[in-house]
Amino acid sequence: MNHLQRVIFLIFCGLTGPVQAQLKLVPVVPARPVQAPSSFRTEDTARVDTIRLRLPFFDDFSTADKPWARRSPSPADPDTSRWEHRGGAFVNNSYGVRPPSFNVATLDGIGWDGAPYNFRDPFSQGVADQLTSRFIDLSRNSVIDGIFFSFFWQAQGLGERPDPEDFIRLEFFDRTGNWRTVWQQNGGIGPTEFAYVVLPVNLDDYMHRNFRFRFSVSTRLSGVYDAWHIDYVYLNRGRRAANENRLDIAMSTPPDKLVAGPYTAMPVAQFLAQPANRQVNDTVNARVNNLDSRFNVFSYDVIVREATTNRFLTLLTDTSTIITQNQSQYRIFGATNDPRPNRRLVVPRNLPRMVLETKFRLNTRETDSIAPPINFRNNDTLATTTVLDDYLAYDDGTAEYGLAFSQRFGKLAYRYELAAPANLTHIDILFVPLATNLRGETYNLRVWKTIDVGGSGVRDSVLLVQNTFVQYPDTLNRLTRVRLSRSLPLEGSFYIGVEQLSDRDLTLGFDRNTDTSDR
């Protein structure tokens, strides 16, 4: 019997349909790195900062995942060579839905340090996150140079919907030291696709060496409310407002996971115990956007490797395709069931732990001469991984929301299934702080063999009830490990859940990206 060391439980995954009165979805604080103090604030004068950028200015936030290209303390920070420190916006690939290129900058009511702007008054409203550029020297330019500023924006995404009184605003910094509003979008519009905005920079007041621009949001200040997402920010001369040719074919969403079934992570022994034809999916898909107003031809390949040993496993696909002008979410894929021996995926069977990485790489006609020195190829490579270790998990590691559970003695459960017998020794769980601090209060952690889901009257089969203290993580999305009072031998299906012992909100992490509602 192999050892199932732990089960990742809650980050809750993908509830669908109506939510009962005792359950409610609530926004939670996204991960924010603790940054070093900035050399200046947004409001400081130009003499404080010695950095002067020149045209072109471009950021699609795709370098956040590339340490060799990133100029920021962590992947969640906007690049500090382009953006001011501590503005509150954070870079992620979880909250935006179908972005122009992978990774977006999200602005909401949580500051750079991960704390609400105002936690004393839950209904306070005002300016919260800002995304402010470094100084850009436009003193050598004029209004006849055809300077345009463009970007994509989205309301809500997988965050909370902005209310009608909320807004996102874009401002330009003029030569007199004033911020001028050049664009504003109010909330109350529901979830949107990413929309494209292009604006002329055609006033003499902007042609100075201390030009800047900034996005800012007015929102509820007591939490991660009213999410707005920004992507593909581009400022340059010699541009046109319409029908602009911009050769960039970009990866948009992460590739599908390689391993078949509902789990995003599972023990190696459980993976290998499955029939060979049920271990991996037949195809692995990814989505690509053509951001050019012309059709294009590009090639791509899909590589699978075992990351802990850096072992190359197979080349799934190596092909060319045509993408039409401005085409969005174009599907590309790799097939794992290719009959050719040199393309067949063979997963190692002799490793105690594996990380299977599936990487999509685009090969386009993009060159550094399109808008030097911009490298549009940074958004051409994207990978996803599946961990095969000693635990089961349904979630992708990020809790976009919380599930508040306030029914006294009510229970929530999640069903798991094993391909081979195993011992359960630990359960990892994520509680998120919301409104009331429940640290130190208790709940019952439960394991069932069977539950009378259909209400037939058959008594539930309970394997373990363990009274446990509520603990909150010191950083977001860090699960708390609970060691079980005894090891539980398991096989087939079983359930793990919690029993609430009070009527105050016990909030569990909720993964909106992963739908396992049938579990």
Protein backbone atom coordinates (compact mmCIF):
# COMPACT_ATOMS: atom_id res chain seq x y z
CA MET A 1 0.00 0.00 0.00
CA ASN A 2 1.48 3.37 -0.98
CA HIS A 3 1.31 6.40 1.27
CA LEU A 4 -0.99 9.26 0.35
CA GLN A 5 0.75 11.83 2.51
CA ARG A 6 -1.85 14.53 2.17
CA VAL A 7 -4.88 15.72 0.32
CA ILE A 8 -5.16 19.32 -0.75
CA PHE A 9 -8.60 20.29 0.46
CA LEU A 10 -10.13 23.66 -0.06
CA ILE A 11 -8.97 25.69 -2.18
CA PHE A 12 -12.57 24.83 -3.14
CA CYS A 13 -12.99 24.25 -6.86
CA GLY A 14 -15.70 25.44 -9.19
CA LEU A 15 -19.11 25.31 -7.57
CA THR A 16 -21.83 25.88 -10.14
CA GLY A 17 -25.55 26.49 -9.94
CA PRO A 18 -27.38 28.28 -7.12
CA VAL A 19 -25.59 28.88 -3.84
CA GLN A 20 -27.63 28.23 -0.69
CA ALA A 21 -28.27 30.97 1.83
CA GLN A 22 -25.62 29.66 4.22
CA LEU A 23 -22.93 29.87 1.53
CA LYS A 24 -21.71 32.97 -0.23
CA LEU A 25 -18.83 33.75 -2.53
CA VAL A 26 -16.68 36.64 -1.36
CA PRO A 27 -13.53 38.28 -2.74
CA VAL A 28 -10.28 37.51 -0.95
CA VAL A 29 -6.93 39.23 -0.86
CA PRO A 30 -4.74 38.31 -3.85
CA ALA A 31 -1.08 37.54 -3.29
CA ARG A 32 1.10 40.63 -2.90
CA PRO A 33 4.83 40.54 -2.33
CA VAL A 34 6.28 42.66 0.45
CA GLN A 35 8.36 45.16 -1.47
CA ALA A 36 11.27 47.28 -0.42
CA PRO A 37 10.55 50.96 0.16
CA SER A 38 10.24 52.98 -3.01
CA SER A 39 12.53 55.90 -3.73
CA PHE A 40 9.52 58.17 -4.32
CA ARG A 41 5.75 58.33 -4.25
CA THR A 42 3.47 58.89 -7.22
CA GLU A 43 2.95 62.49 -6.18
CA ASP A 44 6.65 63.36 -5.89
CA THR A 45 8.21 65.79 -8.32
CA ALA A 46 10.40 64.84 -11.27
CA ARG A 47 13.64 65.84 -9.57
CA VAL A 48 13.36 62.84 -7.21
CA ASP A 49 13.60 60.27 -9.99
CA THR A 50 16.60 60.08 -12.30
CA ILE A 51 15.17 57.43 -14.64
CA ARG A 52 14.12 58.77 -18.04
CA LEU A 53 12.65 56.36 -20.56
CA ARG A 54 12.44 57.02 -24.27
CA LEU A 55 9.96 55.83 -26.84
CA PRO A 56 8.77 53.23 -27.41
CA PHE A 57 7.16 52.23 -24.12
CA PHE A 58 5.68 48.73 -24.11
CA ASP A 59 4.64 46.22 -21.48
CA ASP A 60 2.34 43.23 -21.83
CA PHE A 61 3.59 41.88 -18.47
CA SER A 62 4.76 38.64 -20.12
CA THR A 63 8.30 38.96 -18.74
CA ALA A 64 7.02 38.52 -15.16
CA ASP A 65 7.43 34.75 -15.55
CA LYS A 66 10.91 35.06 -17.05
CA PRO A 67 13.58 35.83 -14.42
CA TRP A 68 16.18 36.57 -17.11
CA ALA A 69 13.97 39.35 -18.54
CA ARG A 70 12.15 40.59 -15.43
CA ARG A 71 13.27 43.81 -13.77
CA SER A 72 11.21 43.51 -10.59
CA PRO A 73 11.53 41.82 -7.19
CA SER A 74 8.97 39.12 -7.94
CA PRO A 75 6.63 37.94 -10.72
CA ALA A 76 3.72 39.73 -9.02
CA ASP A 77 5.42 43.15 -9.27
CA PRO A 78 5.09 45.38 -12.33
CA ASP A 79 8.52 45.79 -13.91
CA THR A 80 10.26 48.50 -11.88
CA SER A 81 12.30 49.65 -14.89
CA ARG A 82 8.99 50.80 -16.44
CA TRP A 83 6.65 51.33 -13.50
CA GLU A 84 6.78 53.03 -10.11
CA HIS A 85 7.16 50.86 -7.05
CA ARG A 86 4.34 50.24 -4.58
CA GLY A 87 1.44 51.36 -6.71
CA GLY A 88 -0.72 48.44 -5.65
CA ALA A 89 -1.29 46.81 -9.06
CA PHE A 90 -0.14 43.20 -9.27
CA VAL A 91 0.78 41.00 -12.22
CA ASN A 92 -0.95 37.64 -12.55
CA ASN A 93 -2.25 35.05 -14.99
CA SER A 94 -5.30 34.09 -12.93
CA TYR A 95 -7.74 36.99 -12.80
CA GLY A 96 -7.94 38.13 -16.42
CA VAL A 97 -10.17 36.15 -18.78
CA ARG A 98 -8.87 35.55 -22.32
CA PRO A 99 -6.28 38.37 -22.23
CA PRO A 100 -4.54 39.68 -25.38
CA SER A 101 -1.31 38.11 -24.14
CA PHE A 102 -0.72 36.07 -21.02
CA ASN A 103 -0.41 37.98 -17.72
CA VAL A 104 -2.28 41.15 -16.82
CA ALA A 105 -1.94 43.94 -14.26
CA THR A 106 -4.88 43.89 -11.84
CA LEU A 107 -6.02 46.96 -9.88
CA ASP A 108 -8.43 46.74 -6.92
CA GLY A 109 -8.89 47.83 -3.28
CA ILE A 110 -5.83 46.08 -1.82
CA GLY A 111 -2.53 47.95 -1.47
CA TRP A 112 0.98 46.92 -2.42
CA ASP A 113 1.51 45.37 1.03
CA GLY A 114 -1.55 43.10 0.77
CA ALA A 115 -3.63 45.15 3.23
CA PRO A 116 -6.88 47.00 2.47
CA TYR A 117 -6.53 50.75 2.03
CA ASN A 118 -9.12 51.26 4.77
CA PHE A 119 -9.97 48.31 7.02
CA ARG A 120 -11.71 50.48 9.63
CA ASP A 121 -14.72 51.47 7.52
CA PRO A 122 -16.03 48.59 5.36
CA PHE A 123 -17.96 51.01 3.14
CA SER A 124 -15.25 53.60 2.52
CA GLN A 125 -14.76 54.59 -1.12
CA GLY A 126 -11.91 56.35 -2.89
CA VAL A 127 -8.80 56.09 -5.05
CA ALA A 128 -6.98 52.80 -4.46
CA ASP A 129 -4.47 51.03 -6.73
CA GLN A 130 -2.41 53.00 -9.21
CA LEU A 131 -0.18 51.84 -12.05
CA THR A 132 2.16 54.72 -12.83
CA SER A 133 4.86 54.77 -15.48
CA ARG A 134 8.39 55.99 -14.92
CA PHE A 135 9.23 59.35 -16.50
CA ILE A 136 9.28 59.30 -20.30
CA ASP A 137 11.30 61.92 -22.15
CA LEU A 138 9.13 63.38 -24.93
CA SER A 139 11.09 66.65 -25.15
CA ARG A 140 12.52 65.71 -28.55
CA ASN A 141 9.08 64.96 -29.97
CA SER A 142 6.28 67.11 -31.31
CA VAL A 143 2.54 66.80 -31.87
CA ILE A 144 3.11 65.93 -35.55
CA ASP A 145 5.03 62.76 -34.74
CA GLY A 146 1.91 60.60 -34.60
CA ILE A 147 2.32 59.55 -30.97
CA PHE A 148 -0.45 57.26 -29.78
CA PHE A 149 -1.09 55.48 -26.52
CA SER A 150 -3.00 52.17 -26.51
CA PHE A 151 -3.96 49.43 -24.07
CA PHE A 152 -6.52 46.72 -23.39
CA TRP A 153 -8.80 46.73 -20.34
CA GLN A 154 -11.26 44.35 -18.73
CA ALA A 155 -13.75 44.74 -15.88
CA GLN A 156 -14.20 41.97 -13.31
CA GLY A 157 -12.58 39.01 -15.05
CA LEU A 158 -12.48 36.41 -12.28
CA GLY A 159 -12.50 39.08 -9.59
CA GLU A 160 -15.40 41.08 -8.19
CA ARG A 161 -17.57 43.19 -10.50
CA PRO A 162 -17.05 46.97 -10.18
CA ASP A 163 -20.15 48.84 -9.03
CA PRO A 164 -21.64 51.75 -11.03
CA GLU A 165 -19.90 54.31 -8.80
CA ASP A 166 -16.49 52.66 -9.32
CA PHE A 167 -14.22 53.62 -12.17
CA ILE A 168 -10.82 53.17 -13.76
CA ARG A 169 -9.11 56.29 -15.06
CA LEU A 170 -6.12 57.06 -17.29
CA GLU A 171 -4.22 60.31 -16.77
CA PHE A 172 -1.33 62.03 -18.55
CA PHE A 173 1.19 64.24 -16.70
CA ASP A 174 1.64 67.61 -18.40
CA ARG A 175 4.54 70.07 -18.35
CA THR A 176 2.88 72.21 -15.64
CA GLY A 177 2.92 69.29 -13.19
CA ASN A 178 -0.76 68.44 -13.42
CA TRP A 179 -2.48 65.13 -14.12
CA ARG A 180 -5.06 65.33 -16.91
CA THR A 181 -7.77 62.70 -17.27
CA VAL A 182 -7.81 61.43 -20.87
CA TRP A 183 -10.00 58.34 -20.45
CA GLN A 184 -12.35 56.91 -17.85
CA GLN A 185 -14.55 53.81 -17.63
CA ASN A 186 -17.24 53.40 -14.98
CA GLY A 187 -18.35 50.10 -13.47
CA GLY A 188 -21.75 48.48 -13.32
CA ILE A 189 -21.28 46.83 -16.69
CA GLY A 190 -20.79 43.18 -15.73
CA PRO A 191 -17.94 40.98 -16.89
CA THR A 192 -16.42 42.12 -20.18
CA GLU A 193 -14.02 40.86 -22.78
CA PHE A 194 -10.77 42.78 -23.08
CA ALA A 195 -11.48 46.02 -24.94
CA TYR A 196 -8.95 48.00 -26.98
CA VAL A 197 -8.42 51.74 -26.46
CA VAL A 198 -6.12 53.96 -28.52
CA LEU A 199 -5.60 57.65 -27.72
CA PRO A 200 -3.53 60.41 -29.37
CA VAL A 201 -0.80 62.16 -27.39
CA ASN A 202 -1.11 65.36 -29.40
CA LEU A 203 -0.77 68.33 -27.05
CA ASP A 204 2.34 70.46 -26.68
CA ASP A 205 1.84 70.24 -22.91
CA TYR A 206 2.81 66.56 -23.08
CA MET A 207 6.04 67.10 -25.04
CA HIS A 208 8.39 67.41 -22.09
CA ARG A 209 11.06 65.28 -20.47
CA ASN A 210 8.96 64.38 -17.42
CA PHE A 211 5.91 62.96 -19.16
CA ARG A 212 4.17 60.13 -17.31
CA PHE A 213 0.88 58.30 -17.44
CA ARG A 214 -1.02 56.40 -14.78
CA PHE A 215 -4.02 54.16 -14.39
CA SER A 216 -5.93 54.48 -11.12
CA VAL A 217 -9.11 53.00 -9.74
CA SER A 218 -11.75 54.45 -7.45
CA THR A 219 -13.28 51.60 -5.51
CA ARG A 220 -14.30 50.24 -2.15
CA LEU A 221 -11.22 50.51 0.04
CA SER A 222 -11.84 47.71 2.54
CA GLY A 223 -10.80 44.69 0.48
CA VAL A 224 -10.17 43.16 -2.89
CA TYR A 225 -13.27 44.63 -4.45
CA ASP A 226 -14.03 45.92 -7.93
CA ALA A 227 -11.31 44.36 -10.07
CA TRP A 228 -9.99 45.96 -13.27
CA HIS A 229 -7.33 44.41 -15.51
CA ILE A 230 -4.88 46.14 -17.87
CA ASP A 231 -2.80 44.51 -20.61
CA TYR A 232 -0.64 45.35 -23.61
CA VAL A 233 0.27 48.96 -22.86
CA TYR A 234 1.98 50.60 -25.85
CA LEU A 235 3.19 54.18 -26.42
CA ASN A 236 5.14 55.09 -29.57
CA ARG A 237 5.54 57.57 -32.40
CA GLY A 238 4.61 56.98 -36.04
CA ARG A 239 1.42 55.15 -35.20
CA ARG A 240 -2.12 55.31 -36.52
CA ALA A 241 -5.37 55.20 -34.61
CA ALA A 242 -7.04 52.58 -36.81
CA ASN A 243 -6.01 49.50 -38.80
CA GLU A 244 -2.58 49.49 -37.28
CA ASN A 245 -0.26 46.75 -38.43
CA ARG A 246 1.37 45.22 -35.37
CA LEU A 247 2.99 41.87 -36.02
CA ASP A 248 2.48 40.05 -32.74
CA ILE A 249 1.04 36.58 -32.28
CA ALA A 250 0.73 35.99 -28.55
CA MET A 251 -0.04 33.14 -26.21
CA SER A 252 -3.14 34.03 -24.21
CA THR A 253 -4.20 31.37 -21.71
CA PRO A 254 -2.12 28.63 -20.04
CA PRO A 255 -2.12 25.25 -21.79
CA ASP A 256 -4.43 22.51 -20.56
CA LYS A 257 -2.99 20.17 -17.97
CA LEU A 258 -1.39 17.05 -19.36
CA VAL A 259 -2.68 14.51 -16.84
CA ALA A 260 -6.18 13.15 -17.47
CA GLY A 261 -8.94 13.31 -14.91
CA PRO A 262 -9.97 15.97 -12.41
CA TYR A 263 -6.76 16.30 -10.42
CA THR A 264 -4.16 19.02 -10.91
CA ALA A 265 -1.74 17.06 -8.72
CA MET A 266 -1.61 13.45 -7.60
CA PRO A 267 0.80 10.89 -6.12
CA VAL A 268 3.08 9.14 -8.57
CA ALA A 269 1.75 5.75 -7.44
CA GLN A 270 -1.84 6.82 -8.09
CA PHE A 271 -0.92 8.09 -11.54
CA LEU A 272 0.89 4.90 -12.52
CA ALA A 273 -1.92 2.70 -11.12
CA GLN A 274 -4.31 4.02 -13.73
CA PRO A 275 -4.64 2.28 -17.09
CA ALA A 276 -2.14 3.67 -19.59
CA ASN A 277 -4.90 5.06 -21.80
CA ARG A 278 -6.27 7.09 -18.87
CA GLN A 279 -3.05 8.64 -17.60
CA VAL A 280 -2.79 11.60 -19.95
CA ASN A 281 -5.23 13.49 -22.14
CA ASP A 282 -5.28 12.73 -25.86
CA THR A 283 -4.71 16.39 -26.69
CA VAL A 284 -3.35 19.41 -24.84
CA ASN A 285 -4.78 22.73 -26.00
CA ALA A 286 -3.66 26.33 -25.75
CA ARG A 287 -5.04 29.60 -27.12
CA VAL A 288 -3.33 32.20 -29.28
CA ASN A 289 -4.29 35.74 -30.33
CA ASN A 290 -3.30 37.47 -33.56
CA LEU A 291 -2.91 41.13 -32.57
CA ASP A 292 -2.18 42.15 -36.16
CA SER A 293 -4.72 43.51 -38.66
CA ARG A 294 -3.30 41.11 -41.25
CA PHE A 295 -3.45 37.34 -41.48
CA ASN A 296 -0.25 35.54 -40.57
CA VAL A 297 1.47 32.20 -40.87
CA PHE A 298 3.35 30.81 -37.89
CA SER A 299 4.73 27.51 -36.69
CA TYR A 300 4.71 26.07 -33.21
CA ASP A 301 5.85 23.05 -31.28
CA VAL A 302 4.78 21.41 -28.04
CA ILE A 303 7.43 19.88 -25.80
CA VAL A 304 6.92 17.67 -22.75
CA ARG A 305 9.71 17.26 -20.22
CA GLU A 306 10.15 16.03 -16.68
CA ALA A 307 11.22 19.17 -14.84
CA THR A 308 12.89 17.71 -11.72
CA THR A 309 15.48 15.91 -13.87
CA ASN A 310 15.15 18.22 -16.89
CA ARG A 311 14.54 15.10 -18.96
CA PHE A 312 13.10 15.61 -22.43
CA LEU A 313 10.17 13.24 -22.91
CA THR A 314 8.72 13.98 -26.33
CA LEU A 315 7.91 16.50 -29.01
CA LEU A 316 4.12 16.32 -29.32
CA THR A 317 3.66 18.68 -32.25
CA ASP A 318 5.80 20.55 -34.74
CA THR A 319 3.64 22.19 -37.37
CA SER A 320 2.61 25.38 -39.18
CA THR A 321 -0.75 27.07 -39.35
CA ILE A 322 -2.55 30.17 -40.64
CA ILE A 323 -4.25 32.65 -38.32
CA THR A 324 -6.65 35.27 -39.68
CA GLN A 325 -6.44 38.97 -38.96
CA ASN A 326 -7.26 40.00 -35.37
CA GLN A 327 -8.28 36.42 -34.59
CA SER A 328 -8.84 35.78 -30.90
CA GLN A 329 -8.44 32.55 -28.92
CA TYR A 330 -7.18 30.50 -31.86
CA ARG A 331 -6.71 26.91 -30.75
CA ILE A 332 -3.38 25.16 -31.10
CA PHE A 333 -2.72 21.73 -29.67
CA GLY A 334 -0.41 18.82 -29.13
CA ALA A 335 -1.53 15.20 -29.51
CA THR A 336 -0.21 12.67 -27.01
CA ASN A 337 -1.53 9.67 -28.95
CA ASP A 338 0.60 10.16 -32.06
CA PRO A 339 1.33 6.63 -33.37
CA ARG A 340 4.86 7.53 -34.45
CA PRO A 341 7.36 6.02 -31.98
CA ASN A 342 9.47 9.18 -31.84
CA ARG A 343 6.38 11.21 -30.85
CA ARG A 344 4.93 8.82 -28.32
CA LEU A 345 4.81 10.14 -24.77
CA VAL A 346 6.38 7.71 -22.31
CA VAL A 347 6.23 8.86 -18.69
CA PRO A 348 9.08 7.61 -16.46
CA ARG A 349 8.12 4.95 -13.94
CA ASN A 350 11.21 4.98 -11.74
CA LEU A 351 11.04 8.45 -10.19
CA PRO A 352 9.59 9.07 -6.68
CA ARG A 353 8.45 12.55 -7.71
CA MET A 354 7.77 14.11 -11.10
CA VAL A 355 6.78 17.49 -12.49
CA LEU A 356 5.45 17.11 -16.01
CA GLU A 357 5.86 20.34 -17.96
CA THR A 358 4.03 20.98 -21.24
CA LYS A 359 5.52 23.92 -23.11
CA PHE A 360 4.06 25.62 -26.20
CA ARG A 361 6.55 27.59 -28.30
CA LEU A 362 5.53 29.84 -31.18
CA ASN A 363 7.86 30.59 -34.07
CA THR A 364 6.67 33.75 -35.78
CA ARG A 365 8.07 36.37 -38.15
CA GLU A 366 8.35 38.89 -35.32
CA THR A 367 11.67 40.74 -35.22
CA ASP A 368 13.22 43.41 -33.01
CA SER A 369 13.05 45.83 -35.95
CA ILE A 370 9.24 46.19 -35.76
CA ALA A 371 9.46 48.74 -32.94
CA PRO A 372 13.01 48.61 -31.61
CA PRO A 373 13.94 47.63 -28.95
CA ILE A 374 10.63 45.90 -28.14
CA ASN A 375 10.86 42.12 -28.17
CA PHE A 376 7.39 40.91 -29.14
CA ARG A 377 8.61 37.32 -28.84
CA ASN A 378 8.48 37.40 -25.02
CA ASN A 379 4.83 36.33 -25.19
CA ASP A 380 5.48 33.43 -27.56
CA THR A 381 6.29 30.73 -24.99
CA LEU A 382 4.06 29.45 -22.21
CA ALA A 383 4.06 26.27 -20.14
CA THR A 384 1.91 24.47 -17.61
CA THR A 385 2.98 21.85 -15.09
CA THR A 386 1.40 18.89 -13.31
CA VAL A 387 2.93 17.73 -10.03
CA LEU A 388 3.11 13.99 -9.35
CA ASP A 389 4.28 13.72 -5.77
CA ASP A 390 2.43 12.50 -2.66
CA TYR A 391 -0.85 14.42 -2.64
CA LEU A 392 -4.15 14.89 -4.45
CA ALA A 393 -5.42 18.34 -5.45
CA TYR A 394 -8.23 19.70 -7.59
CA ASP A 395 -7.18 23.37 -7.52
CA ASP A 396 -4.59 25.30 -9.50
CA GLY A 397 -2.95 26.80 -6.41
CA THR A 398 -4.68 30.19 -6.51
CA ALA A 399 -7.86 31.14 -4.64
CA GLU A 400 -9.54 33.93 -6.57
CA TYR A 401 -12.50 34.01 -4.17
CA GLY A 402 -13.54 32.75 -0.77
CA LEU A 403 -16.49 30.54 0.14
CA ALA A 404 -18.03 31.88 3.37
CA PHE A 405 -19.76 29.17 5.36
CA SER A 406 -21.87 30.29 8.33
CA GLN A 407 -24.30 27.48 9.21
CA ARG A 408 -23.70 26.16 12.72
CA PHE A 409 -23.05 22.40 12.64
CA GLY A 410 -23.37 22.49 8.88
CA LYS A 411 -20.96 20.41 6.84
CA LEU A 412 -19.20 20.71 3.50
CA ALA A 413 -17.52 17.78 1.79
CA TYR A 414 -15.51 16.97 -1.32
CA ARG A 415 -15.25 13.55 -2.96
CA TYR A 416 -11.93 11.97 -3.91
CA GLU A 417 -11.16 8.70 -5.69
CA LEU A 418 -8.08 6.49 -5.55
CA ALA A 419 -6.76 4.26 -8.29
CA ALA A 420 -4.88 2.17 -5.71
CA PRO A 421 -5.09 1.74 -1.91
CA ALA A 422 -3.23 4.37 0.11
CA ASN A 423 -2.84 5.81 3.60
CA LEU A 424 -4.05 9.32 4.37
CA THR A 425 -1.86 11.09 6.94
CA HIS A 426 -2.29 14.84 6.41
CA ILE A 427 -4.82 17.27 5.00
CA ASP A 428 -3.85 20.69 3.66
CA ILE A 429 -6.52 23.36 4.00
CA LEU A 430 -6.83 27.07 3.25
CA PHE A 431 -8.82 29.46 5.43
CA VAL A 432 -8.86 33.11 4.41
CA PRO A 433 -9.49 36.01 6.83
CA LEU A 434 -12.70 37.90 6.16
CA ALA A 435 -14.53 40.48 8.30
CA THR A 436 -14.13 38.56 11.61
CA ASN A 437 -10.89 37.03 12.84
CA LEU A 438 -11.64 33.40 13.75
CA ARG A 439 -8.04 32.45 14.50
CA GLY A 440 -7.97 30.08 17.45
CA GLU A 441 -11.59 29.00 17.14
CA THR A 442 -12.22 25.37 16.29
CA TYR A 443 -13.96 23.38 13.60
CA ASN A 444 -14.26 19.66 12.97
CA LEU A 445 -12.20 18.18 10.16
CA ARG A 446 -14.05 15.12 8.86
CA VAL A 447 -13.28 12.12 6.67
CA TRP A 448 -16.12 9.90 5.43
CA LYS A 449 -16.10 6.66 3.51
CA THR A 450 -19.65 7.26 2.26
CA ILE A 451 -22.18 10.09 2.50
CA ASP A 452 -25.91 9.85 1.88
CA VAL A 453 -25.81 12.51 -0.85
CA GLY A 454 -29.17 11.52 -2.34
CA GLY A 455 -31.05 11.53 0.96
CA SER A 456 -31.99 7.84 0.91
CA GLY A 457 -31.72 7.58 4.67
CA VAL A 458 -28.64 5.37 4.70
CA ARG A 459 -26.36 6.38 7.55
CA ASP A 460 -23.10 8.11 6.64
CA SER A 461 -19.94 6.12 7.21
CA VAL A 462 -17.58 8.39 9.20
CA LEU A 463 -13.89 7.48 9.35
CA LEU A 464 -12.55 10.41 11.35
CA VAL A 465 -13.74 13.51 13.23
CA GLN A 466 -10.88 15.70 14.44
CA ASN A 467 -11.40 18.98 16.28
CA THR A 468 -8.91 21.47 14.88
CA PHE A 469 -8.02 25.14 15.37
CA VAL A 470 -8.62 27.67 12.62
CA GLN A 471 -5.30 28.95 11.28
CA TYR A 472 -4.66 31.61 8.68
CA PRO A 473 -1.61 31.54 6.40
CA ASP A 474 1.14 34.15 6.72
CA THR A 475 1.12 34.59 2.94
CA LEU A 476 -1.78 34.20 0.59
CA ASN A 477 -2.50 30.81 -0.98
CA ARG A 478 -0.20 29.06 1.50
CA LEU A 479 -2.08 26.02 2.75
CA THR A 480 -2.08 24.99 6.40
CA ARG A 481 -1.16 21.36 7.01
CA VAL A 482 -3.16 19.36 9.54
CA ARG A 483 -1.66 16.10 10.73
CA LEU A 484 -4.34 13.50 11.31
CA SER A 485 -4.57 11.88 14.73
CA ARG A 486 -4.13 8.53 13.02
CA SER A 487 -3.27 7.25 9.58
CA LEU A 488 -6.33 6.24 7.56
CA PRO A 489 -6.08 3.31 5.11
CA LEU A 490 -8.26 4.18 2.11
CA GLU A 491 -9.29 2.74 -1.22
CA GLY A 492 -11.82 3.70 -3.86
CA SER A 493 -13.83 6.83 -3.11
CA PHE A 494 -13.90 8.83 0.11
CA TYR A 495 -14.88 12.31 1.28
CA ILE A 496 -13.08 15.08 3.14
CA GLY A 497 -14.83 18.08 4.65
CA VAL A 498 -15.36 20.48 7.49
CA GLU A 499 -18.05 20.91 10.12
CA GLN A 500 -18.71 24.48 11.24
CA LEU A 501 -19.19 24.86 15.01
CA SER A 502 -20.44 28.46 15.11
CA ASP A 503 -22.61 30.71 12.96
CA ARG A 504 -19.82 33.12 12.04
CA ASP A 505 -18.32 33.10 8.56
CA LEU A 506 -15.70 30.40 8.20
CA THR A 507 -14.20 31.29 4.83
CA LEU A 508 -12.45 28.72 2.66
CA GLY A 509 -10.34 29.43 -0.39
CA PHE A 510 -12.27 29.10 -3.66
CA ASP A 511 -10.67 28.39 -7.05
CA ARG A 512 -12.77 29.98 -9.80
CA ASN A 513 -10.55 28.72 -12.60
CA THR A 514 -11.26 25.03 -12.00
CA ASP A 515 -14.71 23.49 -12.29
CA THR A 516 -15.03 20.25 -10.36
CA SER A 517 -18.59 20.85 -9.24
CA ASP A 518 -19.49 17.20 -9.87
CA ARG A 519 -17.23 16.33 -6.92
